[in-house]
Amino acid sequence: MAIEKLMGAALRVPLFHGLQPQQMSEIVHRANRIIYQPGDMIFRQHEIGDAAILIVTGRATSISTHTGQHAYDAVAPGSLIGEMAMLIETEHLTTVVADDVVRALRFPRAVIQDLMAEDPDLADHFVRRIASRLNGLASEMRAIEAQMDETAPQPGAAASAALNLSPGATSQPSDVAHGQPVH
């Protein structure tokens, strides 16, 4: 496959945005070019990953199994899968299987670590990109928490409703386990 097509695919990956042309060129030149046939396992859920895979052409399916349920997601050309595995040891969260002929670039962790040792700016780039994504994730989680707080019952409202005090009843707390008033 022509280096221009490989570079073009790699440059569309958000993790690589902002790299200098020579940095991106070196990453692509050192990457492994791989062809997967239909039905080939690109990686398996729960295996320890040692590389990220960029799908250049072809389609794949990501299959995750959580609590006995299977979730299937399409993996389109331009997708970088298992990206953290090119930086740190990590376990794959899904199984990815080629649906048709998949041409891919494989970015082994050892190669990326060598490149970062040769070019500390490359390491700084990945740290900044990942930190930015983590900050974005933290913001999303705070927004979800705020939404949950807005929809949660107000403290005391459930207790008042549960007591449903009738006229003349006392509102003394009781030891629910034993049905005895608390003194």
Protein backbone atom coordinates (compact mmCIF):
# COMPACT_ATOMS: atom_id res chain seq x y z
CA MET A 1 0.00 0.00 0.00
CA ALA A 2 1.32 3.46 -0.88
CA ILE A 3 2.92 5.38 1.98
CA GLU A 4 0.71 8.39 1.17
CA LYS A 5 -2.45 6.37 1.85
CA LEU A 6 -0.99 5.05 5.12
CA MET A 7 0.07 8.54 6.21
CA GLY A 8 -3.36 9.92 5.31
CA ALA A 9 -5.11 7.28 7.41
CA ALA A 10 -2.78 7.86 10.37
CA LEU A 11 -3.14 11.65 10.22
CA ARG A 12 -6.92 11.33 10.70
CA VAL A 13 -6.47 9.60 14.07
CA PRO A 14 -7.16 12.11 16.88
CA LEU A 15 -4.31 10.75 19.02
CA PHE A 16 -1.87 11.72 16.26
CA HIS A 17 -3.32 15.21 15.62
CA GLY A 18 -0.67 17.87 16.11
CA LEU A 19 2.36 15.68 15.48
CA GLN A 20 5.11 17.08 13.28
CA PRO A 21 5.23 15.56 9.78
CA GLN A 22 8.60 13.90 10.46
CA GLN A 23 7.26 12.35 13.69
CA MET A 24 4.21 10.93 11.90
CA SER A 25 6.36 9.71 9.02
CA GLU A 26 8.69 7.87 11.40
CA ILE A 27 5.75 6.25 13.23
CA VAL A 28 4.18 5.05 9.97
CA HIS A 29 7.49 3.81 8.55
CA ARG A 30 8.20 1.72 11.66
CA ALA A 31 4.66 0.33 11.91
CA ASN A 32 3.96 -3.23 10.77
CA ARG A 33 1.76 -3.59 7.70
CA ILE A 34 -0.71 -6.40 8.22
CA ILE A 35 -3.47 -7.98 6.15
CA TYR A 36 -6.25 -9.82 7.98
CA GLN A 37 -8.55 -12.19 6.12
CA PRO A 38 -12.31 -12.40 6.80
CA GLY A 39 -12.83 -14.14 10.15
CA ASP A 40 -9.28 -13.45 11.39
CA MET A 41 -9.08 -12.43 15.02
CA ILE A 42 -7.36 -9.05 15.25
CA PHE A 43 -7.30 -9.34 19.04
CA ARG A 44 -9.22 -11.05 21.83
CA GLN A 45 -11.04 -9.62 24.82
CA HIS A 46 -9.01 -9.99 28.05
CA GLU A 47 -5.70 -10.59 26.25
CA ILE A 48 -2.82 -8.31 27.14
CA GLY A 49 -2.20 -5.95 24.24
CA ASP A 50 1.21 -4.95 22.96
CA ALA A 51 0.18 -2.79 20.00
CA ALA A 52 -2.52 -0.55 18.56
CA ILE A 53 -4.06 -1.38 15.20
CA LEU A 54 -5.13 1.23 12.66
CA ILE A 55 -7.72 -0.11 10.23
CA VAL A 56 -6.70 1.42 6.89
CA THR A 57 -9.14 -0.44 4.62
CA GLY A 58 -11.80 -3.07 5.25
CA ARG A 59 -14.30 -3.59 8.01
CA ALA A 60 -14.18 -5.39 11.32
CA THR A 61 -16.51 -6.02 14.22
CA SER A 62 -15.78 -5.35 17.87
CA ILE A 63 -17.47 -7.84 20.19
CA SER A 64 -17.62 -7.25 23.91
CA THR A 65 -19.08 -9.56 26.48
CA HIS A 66 -20.16 -8.09 29.78
CA THR A 67 -22.45 -9.85 32.23
CA GLY A 68 -23.18 -12.54 29.65
CA GLN A 69 -24.48 -10.09 27.04
CA HIS A 70 -22.75 -9.61 23.67
CA ALA A 71 -22.43 -6.14 22.17
CA TYR A 72 -21.41 -5.78 18.53
CA ASP A 73 -19.96 -2.58 17.09
CA ALA A 74 -18.71 -1.89 13.58
CA VAL A 75 -15.06 -0.92 13.25
CA ALA A 76 -14.67 1.27 10.19
CA PRO A 77 -11.58 2.23 8.22
CA GLY A 78 -9.69 4.97 10.03
CA SER A 79 -10.35 3.46 13.47
CA LEU A 80 -7.42 3.05 15.84
CA ILE A 81 -8.22 0.11 18.10
CA GLY A 82 -6.39 -0.92 21.24
CA GLU A 83 -4.62 2.43 21.23
CA MET A 84 -3.54 2.38 24.87
CA ALA A 85 -1.70 -0.89 24.25
CA MET A 86 0.85 0.97 22.12
CA LEU A 87 1.75 3.08 25.16
CA ILE A 88 1.21 0.90 28.23
CA GLU A 89 0.45 -2.69 29.09
CA THR A 90 -3.29 -3.04 29.08
CA GLU A 91 -5.97 -5.68 28.62
CA HIS A 92 -8.16 -5.58 25.51
CA LEU A 93 -11.75 -4.81 26.44
CA THR A 94 -13.20 -6.36 23.29
CA THR A 95 -12.58 -9.01 20.67
CA VAL A 96 -12.12 -7.62 17.17
CA VAL A 97 -12.71 -9.81 14.11
CA ALA A 98 -12.13 -8.92 10.45
CA ASP A 99 -15.39 -8.90 8.45
CA ASP A 100 -13.62 -8.72 5.11
CA VAL A 101 -10.03 -8.21 4.00
CA VAL A 102 -8.57 -5.65 6.41
CA ARG A 103 -5.36 -3.81 5.65
CA ALA A 104 -3.94 -2.35 8.81
CA LEU A 105 -0.99 -0.68 10.45
CA ARG A 106 0.18 -2.22 13.70
CA PHE A 107 1.95 0.13 16.12
CA PRO A 108 3.91 -2.07 18.57
CA ARG A 109 4.53 -0.64 22.02
CA ALA A 110 8.26 -1.40 21.80
CA VAL A 111 8.54 0.67 18.60
CA ILE A 112 6.55 3.59 20.03
CA GLN A 113 8.60 3.52 23.24
CA ASP A 114 11.83 3.56 21.19
CA LEU A 115 10.52 6.53 19.22
CA MET A 116 9.57 8.37 22.43
CA ALA A 117 13.05 7.72 23.86
CA GLU A 118 14.57 9.17 20.67
CA ASP A 119 12.13 12.12 20.60
CA PRO A 120 10.90 13.31 24.03
CA ASP A 121 8.53 15.75 22.27
CA LEU A 122 6.65 12.71 20.97
CA ALA A 123 6.22 11.42 24.52
CA ASP A 124 5.03 14.88 25.63
CA HIS A 125 2.52 14.90 22.77
CA PHE A 126 0.98 11.59 23.86
CA VAL A 127 0.88 12.72 27.51
CA ARG A 128 -0.92 15.95 26.55
CA ARG A 129 -3.42 14.15 24.27
CA ILE A 130 -4.26 11.51 26.86
CA ALA A 131 -4.47 14.07 29.69
CA SER A 132 -6.85 16.13 27.55
CA ARG A 133 -9.05 13.10 26.94
CA LEU A 134 -9.05 12.23 30.64
CA ASN A 135 -10.07 15.80 31.48
CA GLY A 136 -12.89 15.52 28.95
CA LEU A 137 -14.00 12.24 30.49
CA ALA A 138 -13.92 13.78 33.97
CA SER A 139 -16.09 16.67 32.74
CA GLU A 140 -18.59 14.24 31.22
CA MET A 141 -18.73 12.29 34.48
CA ARG A 142 -19.34 15.50 36.47
CA ALA A 143 -22.16 16.43 34.08
CA ILE A 144 -23.75 12.99 34.51
CA GLU A 145 -23.41 13.25 38.28
CA ALA A 146 -25.09 16.68 38.21
CA GLN A 147 -27.97 15.25 36.14
CA MET A 148 -28.34 12.40 38.59
CA ASP A 149 -28.41 14.84 41.49
CA GLU A 150 -31.18 16.82 39.78
CA THR A 151 -33.35 13.73 39.27
CA ALA A 152 -32.66 12.11 42.65
CA PRO A 153 -35.36 12.39 45.32
CA GLN A 154 -34.70 15.15 47.83
CA PRO A 155 -33.38 13.99 51.22
CA GLY A 156 -36.18 13.58 53.67
CA ALA A 157 -38.91 13.49 51.02
CA ALA A 158 -38.86 9.71 50.85
CA ALA A 159 -38.77 9.41 54.64
CA SER A 160 -41.74 11.76 55.04
CA ALA A 161 -43.70 9.87 52.44
CA ALA A 162 -42.81 6.54 54.03
CA LEU A 163 -43.97 7.69 57.45
CA ASN A 164 -47.26 9.02 56.02
CA LEU A 165 -48.14 10.34 59.43
CA SER A 166 -51.82 10.30 60.30
CA PRO A 167 -53.33 12.94 62.57
CA GLY A 168 -52.27 12.35 66.15
CA ALA A 169 -49.39 10.04 65.27
CA THR A 170 -45.99 10.79 66.70
CA SER A 171 -42.99 11.34 64.56
CA GLN A 172 -40.59 9.71 66.97
CA PRO A 173 -37.91 7.72 65.18
CA SER A 174 -38.05 4.02 65.81
CA ASP A 175 -35.59 1.19 65.68
CA VAL A 176 -36.93 -0.37 62.50
CA ALA A 177 -35.25 -3.70 63.09
CA HIS A 178 -36.98 -4.24 66.40
CA GLY A 179 -40.00 -1.94 66.09
CA GLN A 180 -39.05 -0.21 69.35
CA PRO A 181 -38.99 3.57 69.84
CA VAL A 182 -35.54 5.09 70.08
CA HIS A 183 -34.91 7.00 73.35
